[in-house]
Protein backbone atom coordinates (compact mmCIF):
# COMPACT_ATOMS: atom_id res chain seq x y z
CA UNK A 1 4.39 -17.04 -9.12
CA UNK A 2 0.84 -16.32 -7.19
CA UNK A 3 0.00 -13.40 -5.60
CA UNK A 4 -0.92 -13.98 -1.45
CA UNK A 5 -2.41 -11.19 0.49
CA UNK A 6 -3.59 -10.26 3.75
CA UNK A 7 -5.52 -7.42 5.42
CA UNK A 8 -4.26 -5.84 8.51
CA UNK A 9 -6.18 -6.48 11.72
CA UNK A 10 -7.61 -4.04 13.62
CA UNK A 11 -7.78 -3.71 17.42
CA UNK A 12 -5.48 -5.00 20.24
CA UNK A 13 -2.92 -3.39 22.31
CA UNK A 14 -0.75 -0.76 20.72
CA UNK A 15 2.54 -2.95 20.92
CA UNK A 16 0.76 -5.70 19.76
CA UNK A 17 -0.54 -3.82 16.64
CA UNK A 18 3.07 -2.64 15.79
CA UNK A 19 4.11 -5.94 16.52
CA UNK A 20 1.91 -7.82 14.40
CA UNK A 21 1.53 -5.10 11.58
CA UNK A 22 5.58 -4.89 11.38
CA UNK A 23 5.66 -8.99 10.94
CA UNK A 24 3.54 -8.83 8.03
CA UNK A 25 5.18 -6.04 6.34
CA UNK A 26 8.85 -8.21 6.79
CA UNK A 27 6.96 -11.07 5.21
CA UNK A 28 5.40 -8.74 1.92
CA UNK A 29 7.16 -7.78 -1.31
CA UNK A 30 4.40 -5.27 -2.08
CA UNK A 31 1.91 -2.75 0.17
CA UNK A 32 -0.92 -1.64 -1.46
CA UNK A 33 -2.57 1.17 0.66
CA UNK A 34 -5.67 3.22 0.38
CA UNK A 35 -4.60 7.00 1.11
CA UNK A 36 -7.59 8.98 0.13
CA UNK A 37 -7.85 9.96 3.63
CA UNK A 38 -5.53 10.80 5.92
CA UNK A 39 -4.23 8.03 8.33
CA UNK A 40 -1.47 8.32 10.52
CA UNK A 41 -1.19 4.15 10.98
CA UNK A 42 -1.20 3.67 7.21
CA UNK A 43 1.41 6.30 6.79
CA UNK A 44 3.65 4.92 9.21
CA UNK A 45 2.94 1.44 7.48
CA UNK A 46 4.48 2.83 4.41
CA UNK A 47 7.31 4.50 5.85
CA UNK A 48 8.11 1.35 7.39
CA UNK A 49 7.44 -0.23 3.78
CA UNK A 50 9.82 1.86 2.51
CA UNK A 51 12.71 0.92 5.09
CA UNK A 52 12.16 -2.66 4.31
CA UNK A 53 12.48 -2.17 0.81
CA UNK A 54 8.91 -3.19 -0.23
CA UNK A 55 7.51 -1.62 -3.74
CA UNK A 56 4.01 0.43 -2.90
CA UNK A 57 0.80 0.90 -5.03
CA UNK A 58 -1.30 3.93 -3.18
CA UNK A 59 -4.62 3.58 -4.27
CA UNK A 60 -5.80 7.73 -4.21
CA UNK A 61 -9.85 8.50 -5.00
CA UNK A 62 -9.76 11.07 -7.66
CA UNK A 63 -9.74 15.13 -6.49
CA UNK A 64 -7.89 13.70 -3.08
CA UNK A 65 -4.48 15.42 -2.38
CA UNK A 66 -1.56 12.77 -1.19
CA UNK A 67 1.41 14.54 0.54
CA UNK A 68 4.46 15.11 -1.55
CA UNK A 69 6.75 12.89 0.40
CA UNK A 70 4.70 9.95 -0.78
CA UNK A 71 4.71 11.19 -4.42
CA UNK A 72 8.62 11.03 -4.29
CA UNK A 73 9.10 7.77 -2.49
CA UNK A 74 11.07 5.46 -5.04
CA UNK A 75 9.25 2.00 -6.35
CA UNK A 76 5.98 3.65 -5.18
CA UNK A 77 2.89 3.56 -8.17
CA UNK A 78 0.04 6.03 -7.28
CA UNK A 79 -2.95 4.69 -8.75
CA UNK A 80 -5.79 7.38 -9.03
CA UNK A 81 -9.26 6.35 -9.38
CA UNK A 82 -12.62 7.42 -10.10
CA UNK A 83 -14.60 4.48 -8.87
CA UNK A 84 -14.79 0.91 -8.07
CA UNK A 85 -14.17 -0.56 -11.83
CA UNK A 86 -11.98 2.14 -12.82
CA UNK A 87 -9.97 1.01 -9.26
CA UNK A 88 -10.17 -2.55 -10.58
CA UNK A 89 -8.97 -2.28 -13.74
CA UNK A 90 -6.09 -0.34 -13.08
CA UNK A 91 -4.94 -2.26 -9.58
CA UNK A 92 -5.28 -5.51 -12.02
CA UNK A 93 -3.05 -3.86 -14.42
CA UNK A 94 -0.64 -2.57 -11.99
CA UNK A 95 -0.59 -5.94 -10.68
CA UNK A 96 -0.08 -7.79 -13.66
CA UNK A 97 3.13 -5.58 -14.51
CA UNK A 98 4.23 -6.07 -11.30
CA UNK A 99 4.20 -9.90 -11.42
CA UNK A 100 5.60 -9.87 -14.84
CA UNK A 101 8.60 -7.99 -14.04
CA UNK A 102 9.43 -10.20 -10.95
C-alpha cells in the first residue's frame, strides 16, 4: 500500500491540459491541493475530484480563507498550517490516517 504521486504538468493547449489533468485525476484515490491562493484551475480540479468520488486534502495557510463550498464537500480534509514544518507534520499524519483506513 504505497502512496504514488504526481504533480500536474503546466503548459499546453487548453484541451490538452483538460484531457491530461482529467485522466490523471481518474487514476487517483486522493487529491492534495494547495488552496491558500485563488485559482480557477485548482477549483475545477477539486470539483472534478468530487465527481470522481476521490478523497481530498486541501492545504490552507493559516489566516487565509477558503470557500464554504469546499469546506462542506464530503470526503474532504482541510489542513490549516503555519509554516512548512507544521504542514509536513499535519500532512504526514493525515496521509497515515488515510492509508490505515483503506
